[in-house]
Amino acid sequence: MKDFFISYTANDVQWATWISKILEEAGYTTVLQAKDFRPGSNFGFEMLHAAESDKIIAIFSQDYFASIYTMPEWAAAFQADPTGAKRMIIPFKVKPCTPPKMLKSLVYADLVGKDQETAKQLILDAVAKETPFDLSKAEFPGAEASAKETPAPISNKAAAESLLEVLDTAWTTFQAQVKLRNKLAQKVKDRIPDTKRLQYEEFFHEYFDQMTANELILHRTIRAYTANVLAEYNQSALDLLKQNRALLSDIPRLKELKAHLELWLAKFKGIFESTPSSCLVYVGVEEKKGFPVGIEGELREYLR
C-alpha cells in the first residue's frame, strides 16, 4: 500500500508531478498516473490498486471540479471518512477556484501564488501526522487588541476577487458540460431522423422518453453538472452581489449579472428540480436576461 494516491486532471499534471517529487524526496510513497500507469498496463486494475493507497491527495483547480473523471477517485474516500477525522483526502489548491458543496468543508493547503520554498513547506506540513504548529511561541496579544473595533465588512476589491473566482470556476464547469451536451444532442440526432429544431433545453426534454440507456447516462451526467455544481456557483455569485451592493455601483453591468442569476435560480428551483427530463437551465433566449458576456474582463479591469 502506497502512502498517497495523487488525484488530478491533465491540465494540472505539472503540479501533480512536482508534489509527488516533494513527497517522495521526503520519504513518502506515491501513486501518480503520469509515472505509474505504464503503456500496456490495465487502466482499471491500476486505478483499483491506486485507490488502496492510505490517503488521497486532491489537486484543486477549476478543471478538477469540472472533470467527470476525478469524482470517482475521491468519492470512496469521502464516503469512508465524511467527517474528515482520518484525513483520508488532503487537498492542495493550486489555481484560483471555488470547491463545490461536497468538498467545500475540507480544509485545503493553499499553494496559489506561493513561492517554491513556501509551497514545499506547506505540502510537507499538510501531510505530516502531527501538526507542525508550535504553540510555545504564541504570545499574549495585549489588552489593546481586544478593544479594537470589529473589522469592516469585506471590501469591494475582496468581493470582486471572490466573484471572479466563482465565475471562472463556473465557466470551466459549463465548458465541460457543453461537450457532453453536444455529444448527447448528436447521438439523438443521428439515431432519430428529422428531429425538431429546438433549443438544447427544449430538445432534451422533447426526446427524453426516446433516449437509449447510454443516452440517459449522458443526460444524468449533464443534469448533475447543473444540479450539483452550477446551481451552487450561481447561488454563491448572487449572494456575493447581494452582500456587496456597492460593487454594483462600481461596475454597473453587474446589475445585468444579478438579474440573470435571479432568473436562472428561479427557473432552476421552480422548474428544473421537479422535472426529471430537464438537464440544462438556460436563460437568455426567450427571457432576454442572458449572461452578460465579458463581465469577467470588467472585473479583472476593476481589480487592476
C-alpha atoms as a PDB file:
ATOM      1  CA  MET A   1       0.000   0.000   0.000  1.00  0.00           C
ATOM      2  CA  LYS A   2       1.338   3.412  -1.005  1.00  0.00           C
ATOM      3  CA  ASP A   3       1.090   6.456   1.236  1.00  0.00           C
ATOM      4  CA  PHE A   4      -0.662   8.743  -1.257  1.00  0.00           C
ATOM      5  CA  PHE A   5      -2.645   8.466  -4.475  1.00  0.00           C
ATOM      6  CA  ILE A   6      -2.484  11.825  -6.281  1.00  0.00           C
ATOM      7  CA  SER A   7      -5.775  12.731  -7.974  1.00  0.00           C
ATOM      8  CA  TYR A   8      -5.541  15.422 -10.653  1.00  0.00           C
ATOM      9  CA  THR A   9      -6.582  16.447 -14.153  1.00  0.00           C
ATOM     10  CA  ALA A  10      -4.352  16.542 -17.218  1.00  0.00           C
ATOM     11  CA  ASN A  11      -4.085  20.350 -17.102  1.00  0.00           C
ATOM     12  CA  ASP A  12      -2.529  20.113 -13.632  1.00  0.00           C
ATOM     13  CA  VAL A  13      -0.038  17.323 -14.333  1.00  0.00           C
ATOM     14  CA  GLN A  14       2.927  19.618 -13.690  1.00  0.00           C
ATOM     15  CA  TRP A  15       1.644  20.395 -10.189  1.00  0.00           C
ATOM     16  CA  ALA A  16       0.882  16.728  -9.544  1.00  0.00           C
ATOM     17  CA  THR A  17       4.345  15.535 -10.573  1.00  0.00           C
ATOM     18  CA  TRP A  18       6.082  18.248  -8.556  1.00  0.00           C
ATOM     19  CA  ILE A  19       4.051  17.429  -5.433  1.00  0.00           C
ATOM     20  CA  SER A  20       4.827  13.742  -5.965  1.00  0.00           C
ATOM     21  CA  LYS A  21       8.529  14.593  -6.192  1.00  0.00           C
ATOM     22  CA  ILE A  22       8.445  16.654  -2.963  1.00  0.00           C
ATOM     23  CA  LEU A  23       6.714  13.837  -1.086  1.00  0.00           C
ATOM     24  CA  GLU A  24       8.980  11.063  -2.359  1.00  0.00           C
ATOM     25  CA  GLU A  25      12.097  13.092  -1.555  1.00  0.00           C
ATOM     26  CA  ALA A  26      10.715  13.351   1.998  1.00  0.00           C
ATOM     27  CA  GLY A  27      10.424   9.547   2.230  1.00  0.00           C
ATOM     28  CA  TYR A  28       6.745   9.054   1.333  1.00  0.00           C
ATOM     29  CA  THR A  29       5.463   6.776  -1.438  1.00  0.00           C
ATOM     30  CA  THR A  30       3.027   7.997  -4.084  1.00  0.00           C
ATOM     31  CA  VAL A  31       0.889   6.687  -6.929  1.00  0.00           C
ATOM     32  CA  LEU A  32       0.761   9.056  -9.884  1.00  0.00           C
ATOM     33  CA  GLN A  33      -0.881   8.185 -13.179  1.00  0.00           C
ATOM     34  CA  ALA A  34       1.808  10.007 -15.196  1.00  0.00           C
ATOM     35  CA  LYS A  35       4.625   7.859 -13.792  1.00  0.00           C
ATOM     36  CA  ASP A  36       2.937   4.644 -12.624  1.00  0.00           C
ATOM     37  CA  PHE A  37       0.398   3.787 -15.345  1.00  0.00           C
ATOM     38  CA  ARG A  38       2.723   2.320 -17.972  1.00  0.00           C
ATOM     39  CA  PRO A  39       1.834   1.524 -21.612  1.00  0.00           C
ATOM     40  CA  GLY A  40       0.347  -1.944 -21.787  1.00  0.00           C
ATOM     41  CA  SER A  41      -0.974  -1.942 -18.230  1.00  0.00           C
ATOM     42  CA  ASN A  42      -4.675  -2.321 -17.418  1.00  0.00           C
ATOM     43  CA  PHE A  43      -6.037   1.125 -16.530  1.00  0.00           C
ATOM     44  CA  GLY A  44      -8.971  -0.228 -14.488  1.00  0.00           C
ATOM     45  CA  PHE A  45      -6.692  -2.517 -12.484  1.00  0.00           C
ATOM     46  CA  GLU A  46      -4.196   0.285 -11.885  1.00  0.00           C
ATOM     47  CA  MET A  47      -6.985   2.569 -10.615  1.00  0.00           C
ATOM     48  CA  LEU A  48      -8.238  -0.098  -8.225  1.00  0.00           C
ATOM     49  CA  HIS A  49      -4.708  -0.583  -6.941  1.00  0.00           C
ATOM     50  CA  ALA A  50      -4.185   3.189  -6.604  1.00  0.00           C
ATOM     51  CA  ALA A  51      -7.427   3.542  -4.644  1.00  0.00           C
ATOM     52  CA  GLU A  52      -5.953   1.268  -1.964  1.00  0.00           C
ATOM     53  CA  SER A  53      -3.425   3.968  -1.025  1.00  0.00           C
ATOM     54  CA  ASP A  54      -3.542   5.170   2.557  1.00  0.00           C
ATOM     55  CA  LYS A  55      -4.689   8.670   1.591  1.00  0.00           C
ATOM     56  CA  ILE A  56      -5.704  10.665  -1.484  1.00  0.00           C
ATOM     57  CA  ILE A  57      -4.154  13.992  -2.419  1.00  0.00           C
ATOM     58  CA  ALA A  58      -6.598  16.076  -4.464  1.00  0.00           C
ATOM     59  CA  ILE A  59      -5.169  18.804  -6.709  1.00  0.00           C
ATOM     60  CA  PHE A  60      -7.862  21.506  -6.530  1.00  0.00           C
ATOM     61  CA  SER A  61      -8.421  23.692  -9.612  1.00  0.00           C
ATOM     62  CA  GLN A  62     -11.307  24.751 -11.839  1.00  0.00           C
ATOM     63  CA  ASP A  63     -10.551  21.849 -14.172  1.00  0.00           C
ATOM     64  CA  TYR A  64     -10.526  19.369 -11.294  1.00  0.00           C
ATOM     65  CA  PHE A  65     -14.079  20.214 -10.220  1.00  0.00           C
ATOM     66  CA  ALA A  66     -15.318  20.292 -13.808  1.00  0.00           C
ATOM     67  CA  SER A  67     -13.982  16.829 -14.632  1.00  0.00           C
ATOM     68  CA  ILE A  68     -16.304  13.831 -14.523  1.00  0.00           C
ATOM     69  CA  TYR A  69     -13.303  11.514 -14.065  1.00  0.00           C
ATOM     70  CA  THR A  70     -11.879  12.855 -10.803  1.00  0.00           C
ATOM     71  CA  MET A  71     -15.043  12.398  -8.735  1.00  0.00           C
ATOM     72  CA  PRO A  72     -14.793   8.568  -8.510  1.00  0.00           C
ATOM     73  CA  GLU A  73     -11.193   8.973  -7.317  1.00  0.00           C
ATOM     74  CA  TRP A  74     -12.139  10.842  -4.137  1.00  0.00           C
ATOM     75  CA  ALA A  75     -15.788   9.788  -3.637  1.00  0.00           C
ATOM     76  CA  ALA A  76     -14.983   6.451  -1.944  1.00  0.00           C
ATOM     77  CA  ALA A  77     -12.535   8.111   0.454  1.00  0.00           C
ATOM     78  CA  PHE A  78     -15.079  10.826   1.232  1.00  0.00           C
ATOM     79  CA  GLN A  79     -17.734   8.229   1.970  1.00  0.00           C
ATOM     80  CA  ALA A  80     -15.346   6.307   4.253  1.00  0.00           C
ATOM     81  CA  ASP A  81     -14.346   9.465   6.119  1.00  0.00           C
ATOM     82  CA  PRO A  82     -17.204  12.011   5.793  1.00  0.00           C
ATOM     83  CA  THR A  83     -16.157  13.977   8.895  1.00  0.00           C
ATOM     84  CA  GLY A  84     -12.510  14.231   7.829  1.00  0.00           C
ATOM     85  CA  ALA A  85     -11.354  12.742  11.144  1.00  0.00           C
ATOM     86  CA  LYS A  86      -8.950  10.361   9.388  1.00  0.00           C
ATOM     87  CA  ARG A  87      -7.831  12.989   6.851  1.00  0.00           C
ATOM     88  CA  MET A  88      -8.210  10.485   4.013  1.00  0.00           C
ATOM     89  CA  ILE A  89      -8.425  13.331   1.480  1.00  0.00           C
ATOM     90  CA  ILE A  90      -5.725  16.013   1.683  1.00  0.00           C
ATOM     91  CA  PRO A  91      -6.446  18.834  -0.794  1.00  0.00           C
ATOM     92  CA  PHE A  92      -3.951  21.246  -2.336  1.00  0.00           C
ATOM     93  CA  LYS A  93      -5.378  24.293  -4.074  1.00  0.00           C
ATOM     94  CA  VAL A  94      -3.061  25.110  -6.978  1.00  0.00           C
ATOM     95  CA  LYS A  95      -5.181  27.552  -9.009  1.00  0.00           C
ATOM     96  CA  PRO A  96      -7.955  30.025  -8.115  1.00  0.00           C
ATOM     97  CA  CYS A  97     -11.195  28.045  -7.764  1.00  0.00           C
ATOM     98  CA  THR A  98     -14.197  27.515  -5.526  1.00  0.00           C
ATOM     99  CA  PRO A  99     -14.754  23.918  -4.301  1.00  0.00           C
ATOM    100  CA  PRO A 100     -18.277  22.504  -4.780  1.00  0.00           C
ATOM    101  CA  LYS A 101     -20.541  21.724  -1.847  1.00  0.00           C
ATOM    102  CA  MET A 102     -19.269  18.223  -1.009  1.00  0.00           C
ATOM    103  CA  LEU A 103     -15.625  19.316  -0.854  1.00  0.00           C
ATOM    104  CA  LYS A 104     -16.125  22.837   0.489  1.00  0.00           C
ATOM    105  CA  SER A 105     -15.919  21.650   4.104  1.00  0.00           C
ATOM    106  CA  LEU A 106     -12.434  20.162   3.608  1.00  0.00           C
ATOM    107  CA  VAL A 107      -9.557  22.362   4.767  1.00  0.00           C
ATOM    108  CA  TYR A 108      -7.030  22.711   1.936  1.00  0.00           C
ATOM    109  CA  ALA A 109      -3.431  23.870   1.716  1.00  0.00           C
ATOM    110  CA  ASP A 110      -3.418  26.956  -0.489  1.00  0.00           C
ATOM    111  CA  LEU A 111      -0.437  26.939  -2.872  1.00  0.00           C
ATOM    112  CA  VAL A 112      -1.807  29.702  -5.125  1.00  0.00           C
ATOM    113  CA  GLY A 113       0.759  32.455  -5.569  1.00  0.00           C
ATOM    114  CA  LYS A 114       3.268  30.926  -3.123  1.00  0.00           C
ATOM    115  CA  ASP A 115       6.975  30.783  -3.900  1.00  0.00           C
ATOM    116  CA  GLN A 116       8.646  27.369  -4.278  1.00  0.00           C
ATOM    117  CA  GLU A 117      10.041  27.040  -0.748  1.00  0.00           C
ATOM    118  CA  THR A 118       6.807  28.189   0.891  1.00  0.00           C
ATOM    119  CA  ALA A 119       4.756  25.817  -1.265  1.00  0.00           C
ATOM    120  CA  LYS A 120       7.111  22.928  -0.456  1.00  0.00           C
ATOM    121  CA  GLN A 121       6.803  23.562   3.282  1.00  0.00           C
ATOM    122  CA  LEU A 122       3.008  23.812   3.047  1.00  0.00           C
ATOM    123  CA  ILE A 123       2.932  20.415   1.316  1.00  0.00           C
ATOM    124  CA  LEU A 124       5.095  18.728   3.948  1.00  0.00           C
ATOM    125  CA  ASP A 125       3.180  20.368   6.794  1.00  0.00           C
ATOM    126  CA  ALA A 126      -0.135  19.239   5.299  1.00  0.00           C
ATOM    127  CA  VAL A 127       0.795  15.556   5.105  1.00  0.00           C
ATOM    128  CA  ALA A 128       2.584  15.408   8.476  1.00  0.00           C
ATOM    129  CA  LYS A 129       0.849  13.170  11.025  1.00  0.00           C
ATOM    130  CA  GLU A 130       1.250  15.772  13.751  1.00  0.00           C
ATOM    131  CA  THR A 131       0.545  19.476  13.405  1.00  0.00           C
ATOM    132  CA  PRO A 132       3.749  21.493  12.869  1.00  0.00           C
ATOM    133  CA  PHE A 133       2.250  24.487  14.664  1.00  0.00           C
ATOM    134  CA  ASP A 134       4.408  25.414  17.664  1.00  0.00           C
ATOM    135  CA  LEU A 135       2.237  26.787  20.490  1.00  0.00           C
ATOM    136  CA  SER A 136       5.289  27.504  22.633  1.00  0.00           C
ATOM    137  CA  LYS A 137       5.945  30.603  20.501  1.00  0.00           C
ATOM    138  CA  ALA A 138       2.465  32.048  20.984  1.00  0.00           C
ATOM    139  CA  GLU A 139       2.415  35.444  22.715  1.00  0.00           C
ATOM    140  CA  PHE A 140      -0.297  37.352  24.530  1.00  0.00           C
ATOM    141  CA  PRO A 141      -1.583  39.977  22.048  1.00  0.00           C
ATOM    142  CA  GLY A 142      -2.248  42.533  24.795  1.00  0.00           C
ATOM    143  CA  ALA A 143      -5.330  44.157  26.265  1.00  0.00           C
ATOM    144  CA  GLU A 144      -5.482  46.716  23.466  1.00  0.00           C
ATOM    145  CA  ALA A 145      -6.028  44.005  20.866  1.00  0.00           C
ATOM    146  CA  SER A 146      -9.375  43.021  22.390  1.00  0.00           C
ATOM    147  CA  ALA A 147     -10.516  46.654  22.434  1.00  0.00           C
ATOM    148  CA  LYS A 148     -10.110  47.168  18.688  1.00  0.00           C
ATOM    149  CA  GLU A 149     -13.152  47.825  16.581  1.00  0.00           C
ATOM    150  CA  THR A 150     -14.836  44.983  14.726  1.00  0.00           C
ATOM    151  CA  PRO A 151     -13.248  44.542  11.289  1.00  0.00           C
ATOM    152  CA  ALA A 152     -15.053  46.294   8.465  1.00  0.00           C
ATOM    153  CA  PRO A 153     -17.205  44.234   6.079  1.00  0.00           C
ATOM    154  CA  ILE A 154     -15.493  42.640   3.113  1.00  0.00           C
ATOM    155  CA  SER A 155     -14.079  45.290   0.760  1.00  0.00           C
ATOM    156  CA  ASN A 156     -15.285  45.795  -2.789  1.00  0.00           C
ATOM    157  CA  LYS A 157     -11.936  44.517  -4.043  1.00  0.00           C
ATOM    158  CA  ALA A 158     -12.191  41.315  -1.990  1.00  0.00           C
ATOM    159  CA  ALA A 159     -15.778  40.837  -3.161  1.00  0.00           C
ATOM    160  CA  ALA A 160     -14.731  41.331  -6.789  1.00  0.00           C
ATOM    161  CA  GLU A 161     -11.907  38.805  -6.394  1.00  0.00           C
ATOM    162  CA  SER A 162     -14.274  36.242  -4.870  1.00  0.00           C
ATOM    163  CA  LEU A 163     -16.893  36.855  -7.554  1.00  0.00           C
ATOM    164  CA  LEU A 164     -14.328  36.479 -10.337  1.00  0.00           C
ATOM    165  CA  GLU A 165     -13.101  33.209  -8.828  1.00  0.00           C
ATOM    166  CA  VAL A 166     -16.656  31.832  -8.673  1.00  0.00           C
ATOM    167  CA  LEU A 167     -17.436  32.925 -12.255  1.00  0.00           C
ATOM    168  CA  ASP A 168     -14.199  31.462 -13.627  1.00  0.00           C
ATOM    169  CA  THR A 169     -14.844  28.109 -11.953  1.00  0.00           C
ATOM    170  CA  ALA A 170     -18.463  28.105 -13.133  1.00  0.00           C
ATOM    171  CA  TRP A 171     -17.317  28.856 -16.691  1.00  0.00           C
ATOM    172  CA  THR A 172     -14.881  25.929 -16.675  1.00  0.00           C
ATOM    173  CA  THR A 173     -17.683  23.666 -15.432  1.00  0.00           C
ATOM    174  CA  PHE A 174     -20.043  24.981 -18.101  1.00  0.00           C
ATOM    175  CA  GLN A 175     -17.484  24.279 -20.844  1.00  0.00           C
ATOM    176  CA  ALA A 176     -17.179  20.670 -19.669  1.00  0.00           C
ATOM    177  CA  GLN A 177     -20.966  20.401 -19.648  1.00  0.00           C
ATOM    178  CA  VAL A 178     -21.195  21.818 -23.180  1.00  0.00           C
ATOM    179  CA  LYS A 179     -19.007  18.997 -24.520  1.00  0.00           C
ATOM    180  CA  LEU A 180     -21.412  16.414 -23.082  1.00  0.00           C
ATOM    181  CA  ARG A 181     -24.423  18.443 -24.257  1.00  0.00           C
ATOM    182  CA  ASN A 182     -23.157  18.445 -27.843  1.00  0.00           C
ATOM    183  CA  LYS A 183     -22.321  14.744 -27.664  1.00  0.00           C
ATOM    184  CA  LEU A 184     -25.795  13.814 -26.420  1.00  0.00           C
ATOM    185  CA  ALA A 185     -27.572  16.024 -28.956  1.00  0.00           C
ATOM    186  CA  GLN A 186     -25.588  14.488 -31.804  1.00  0.00           C
ATOM    187  CA  LYS A 187     -26.323  10.943 -30.617  1.00  0.00           C
ATOM    188  CA  VAL A 188     -30.059  11.638 -30.574  1.00  0.00           C
ATOM    189  CA  LYS A 189     -29.987  13.397 -33.982  1.00  0.00           C
ATOM    190  CA  ASP A 190     -28.016  10.551 -35.567  1.00  0.00           C
ATOM    191  CA  ARG A 191     -30.455   7.958 -34.273  1.00  0.00           C
ATOM    192  CA  ILE A 192     -33.781   9.760 -34.726  1.00  0.00           C
ATOM    193  CA  PRO A 193     -34.402  11.132 -38.238  1.00  0.00           C
ATOM    194  CA  ASP A 194     -35.931  14.576 -38.746  1.00  0.00           C
ATOM    195  CA  THR A 195     -35.593  15.790 -35.156  1.00  0.00           C
ATOM    196  CA  LYS A 196     -37.176  19.156 -34.401  1.00  0.00           C
ATOM    197  CA  ARG A 197     -35.061  22.314 -34.443  1.00  0.00           C
ATOM    198  CA  LEU A 198     -35.220  23.314 -30.783  1.00  0.00           C
ATOM    199  CA  GLN A 199     -33.039  24.993 -28.195  1.00  0.00           C
ATOM    200  CA  TYR A 200     -30.975  22.438 -26.250  1.00  0.00           C
ATOM    201  CA  GLU A 201     -33.084  22.769 -23.115  1.00  0.00           C
ATOM    202  CA  GLU A 202     -36.300  22.021 -25.025  1.00  0.00           C
ATOM    203  CA  PHE A 203     -34.629  19.456 -27.298  1.00  0.00           C
ATOM    204  CA  PHE A 204     -33.606  17.135 -24.449  1.00  0.00           C
ATOM    205  CA  HIS A 205     -37.000  17.468 -22.806  1.00  0.00           C
ATOM    206  CA  GLU A 206     -38.738  16.640 -26.104  1.00  0.00           C
ATOM    207  CA  TYR A 207     -36.738  13.444 -26.718  1.00  0.00           C
ATOM    208  CA  PHE A 208     -36.154  12.329 -23.137  1.00  0.00           C
ATOM    209  CA  ASP A 209     -38.628   9.430 -23.354  1.00  0.00           C
ATOM    210  CA  GLN A 210     -36.971   8.146 -26.524  1.00  0.00           C
ATOM    211  CA  MET A 211     -33.400   8.076 -25.210  1.00  0.00           C
ATOM    212  CA  THR A 212     -31.409   4.860 -25.004  1.00  0.00           C
ATOM    213  CA  ALA A 213     -29.721   3.657 -21.802  1.00  0.00           C
ATOM    214  CA  ASN A 214     -26.361   5.153 -22.851  1.00  0.00           C
ATOM    215  CA  GLU A 215     -28.000   8.433 -23.781  1.00  0.00           C
ATOM    216  CA  LEU A 216     -29.738   8.568 -20.415  1.00  0.00           C
ATOM    217  CA  ILE A 217     -26.374   8.188 -18.673  1.00  0.00           C
ATOM    218  CA  LEU A 218     -25.144  11.275 -20.506  1.00  0.00           C
ATOM    219  CA  HIS A 219     -28.380  13.062 -19.643  1.00  0.00           C
ATOM    220  CA  ARG A 220     -27.940  12.269 -15.928  1.00  0.00           C
ATOM    221  CA  THR A 221     -24.330  13.457 -16.036  1.00  0.00           C
ATOM    222  CA  ILE A 222     -25.321  16.762 -17.638  1.00  0.00           C
ATOM    223  CA  ARG A 223     -28.101  17.134 -15.085  1.00  0.00           C
ATOM    224  CA  ALA A 224     -25.618  16.510 -12.257  1.00  0.00           C
ATOM    225  CA  TYR A 225     -23.454  19.376 -13.520  1.00  0.00           C
ATOM    226  CA  THR A 226     -26.483  21.679 -13.354  1.00  0.00           C
ATOM    227  CA  ALA A 227     -27.850  20.484 -10.016  1.00  0.00           C
ATOM    228  CA  ASN A 228     -24.658  19.903  -8.034  1.00  0.00           C
ATOM    229  CA  VAL A 229     -22.200  22.465  -9.388  1.00  0.00           C
ATOM    230  CA  LEU A 230     -23.672  25.267 -11.489  1.00  0.00           C
ATOM    231  CA  ALA A 231     -26.596  25.866  -9.130  1.00  0.00           C
ATOM    232  CA  GLU A 232     -24.214  26.217  -6.214  1.00  0.00           C
ATOM    233  CA  TYR A 233     -21.852  28.571  -8.055  1.00  0.00           C
ATOM    234  CA  ASN A 234     -24.715  30.726  -9.328  1.00  0.00           C
ATOM    235  CA  GLN A 235     -26.151  30.986  -5.822  1.00  0.00           C
ATOM    236  CA  SER A 236     -22.715  31.919  -4.452  1.00  0.00           C
ATOM    237  CA  ALA A 237     -22.322  34.641  -7.088  1.00  0.00           C
ATOM    238  CA  LEU A 238     -25.772  36.049  -6.335  1.00  0.00           C
ATOM    239  CA  ASP A 239     -25.084  36.031  -2.594  1.00  0.00           C
ATOM    240  CA  LEU A 240     -21.855  37.973  -3.153  1.00  0.00           C
ATOM    241  CA  LEU A 241     -23.719  40.611  -5.175  1.00  0.00           C
ATOM    242  CA  LYS A 242     -26.465  40.942  -2.580  1.00  0.00           C
ATOM    243  CA  GLN A 243     -23.977  41.265   0.267  1.00  0.00           C
ATOM    244  CA  ASN A 244     -21.837  43.839  -1.568  1.00  0.00           C
ATOM    245  CA  ARG A 245     -24.297  46.153  -3.277  1.00  0.00           C
ATOM    246  CA  ALA A 246     -21.732  48.951  -3.525  1.00  0.00           C
ATOM    247  CA  LEU A 247     -19.895  46.821  -6.081  1.00  0.00           C
ATOM    248  CA  LEU A 248     -22.903  47.132  -8.403  1.00  0.00           C
ATOM    249  CA  SER A 249     -22.377  50.896  -8.441  1.00  0.00           C
ATOM    250  CA  ASP A 250     -18.692  50.499  -9.275  1.00  0.00           C
ATOM    251  CA  ILE A 251     -19.416  48.012 -12.083  1.00  0.00           C
ATOM    252  CA  PRO A 252     -22.901  48.807 -13.475  1.00  0.00           C
ATOM    253  CA  ARG A 253     -23.105  45.688 -15.679  1.00  0.00           C
ATOM    254  CA  LEU A 254     -23.134  43.573 -12.526  1.00  0.00           C
ATOM    255  CA  LYS A 255     -26.822  44.544 -12.300  1.00  0.00           C
ATOM    256  CA  GLU A 256     -27.308  42.543 -15.514  1.00  0.00           C
ATOM    257  CA  LEU A 257     -25.478  39.605 -13.924  1.00  0.00           C
ATOM    258  CA  LYS A 258     -27.664  39.856 -10.819  1.00  0.00           C
ATOM    259  CA  ALA A 259     -30.852  39.799 -12.928  1.00  0.00           C
ATOM    260  CA  HIS A 260     -29.531  36.818 -14.911  1.00  0.00           C
ATOM    261  CA  LEU A 261     -28.655  34.846 -11.765  1.00  0.00           C
ATOM    262  CA  GLU A 262     -32.003  35.584 -10.106  1.00  0.00           C
ATOM    263  CA  LEU A 263     -33.917  34.336 -13.137  1.00  0.00           C
ATOM    264  CA  TRP A 264     -31.608  31.296 -13.585  1.00  0.00           C
ATOM    265  CA  LEU A 265     -32.097  30.230  -9.963  1.00  0.00           C
ATOM    266  CA  ALA A 266     -35.860  30.860 -10.092  1.00  0.00           C
ATOM    267  CA  LYS A 267     -36.075  28.631 -13.157  1.00  0.00           C
ATOM    268  CA  PHE A 268     -33.853  26.036 -11.502  1.00  0.00           C
ATOM    269  CA  LYS A 269     -35.929  25.867  -8.319  1.00  0.00           C
ATOM    270  CA  GLY A 270     -39.312  26.306  -9.982  1.00  0.00           C
ATOM    271  CA  ILE A 271     -38.946  24.010 -12.983  1.00  0.00           C
ATOM    272  CA  PHE A 272     -35.679  22.072 -13.190  1.00  0.00           C
ATOM    273  CA  GLU A 273     -35.734  20.368  -9.777  1.00  0.00           C
ATOM    274  CA  SER A 274     -39.233  18.951 -10.303  1.00  0.00           C
ATOM    275  CA  THR A 275     -38.721  17.968 -13.959  1.00  0.00           C
ATOM    276  CA  PRO A 276     -36.599  14.798 -14.438  1.00  0.00           C
ATOM    277  CA  SER A 277     -36.403  15.317 -18.197  1.00  0.00           C
ATOM    278  CA  SER A 278     -34.559  18.621 -17.696  1.00  0.00           C
ATOM    279  CA  CYS A 279     -30.770  18.523 -17.672  1.00  0.00           C
ATOM    280  CA  LEU A 280     -29.973  22.160 -18.510  1.00  0.00           C
ATOM    281  CA  VAL A 281     -31.103  25.586 -17.393  1.00  0.00           C
ATOM    282  CA  TYR A 282     -30.687  28.320 -19.998  1.00  0.00           C
ATOM    283  CA  VAL A 283     -31.772  31.903 -19.510  1.00  0.00           C
ATOM    284  CA  GLY A 284     -31.441  34.475 -22.231  1.00  0.00           C
ATOM    285  CA  VAL A 285     -33.085  33.418 -25.488  1.00  0.00           C
ATOM    286  CA  GLU A 286     -36.730  33.993 -24.617  1.00  0.00           C
ATOM    287  CA  GLU A 287     -36.282  35.799 -21.299  1.00  0.00           C
ATOM    288  CA  LYS A 288     -33.660  38.202 -22.719  1.00  0.00           C
ATOM    289  CA  LYS A 289     -31.668  38.154 -19.495  1.00  0.00           C
ATOM    290  CA  GLY A 290     -28.650  36.212 -20.688  1.00  0.00           C
ATOM    291  CA  PHE A 291     -25.260  36.115 -19.046  1.00  0.00           C
ATOM    292  CA  PRO A 292     -23.523  39.489 -19.581  1.00  0.00           C
ATOM    293  CA  VAL A 293     -20.690  38.462 -21.893  1.00  0.00           C
ATOM    294  CA  GLY A 294     -17.349  39.992 -20.942  1.00  0.00           C
ATOM    295  CA  ILE A 295     -18.230  40.705 -17.307  1.00  0.00           C
ATOM    296  CA  GLU A 296     -15.177  38.732 -16.152  1.00  0.00           C
ATOM    297  CA  GLY A 297     -12.971  41.103 -18.140  1.00  0.00           C
ATOM    298  CA  GLU A 298     -14.637  44.079 -16.469  1.00  0.00           C
ATOM    299  CA  LEU A 299     -13.970  42.543 -13.058  1.00  0.00           C
ATOM    300  CA  ARG A 300     -10.315  41.999 -13.935  1.00  0.00           C
ATOM    301  CA  GLU A 301     -10.014  45.595 -15.174  1.00  0.00           C
ATOM    302  CA  TYR A 302     -11.660  46.817 -11.964  1.00  0.00           C
ATOM    303  CA  LEU A 303      -9.140  44.853  -9.875  1.00  0.00           C
ATOM    304  CA  ARG A 304      -6.257  46.334 -11.875  1.00  0.00           C
END
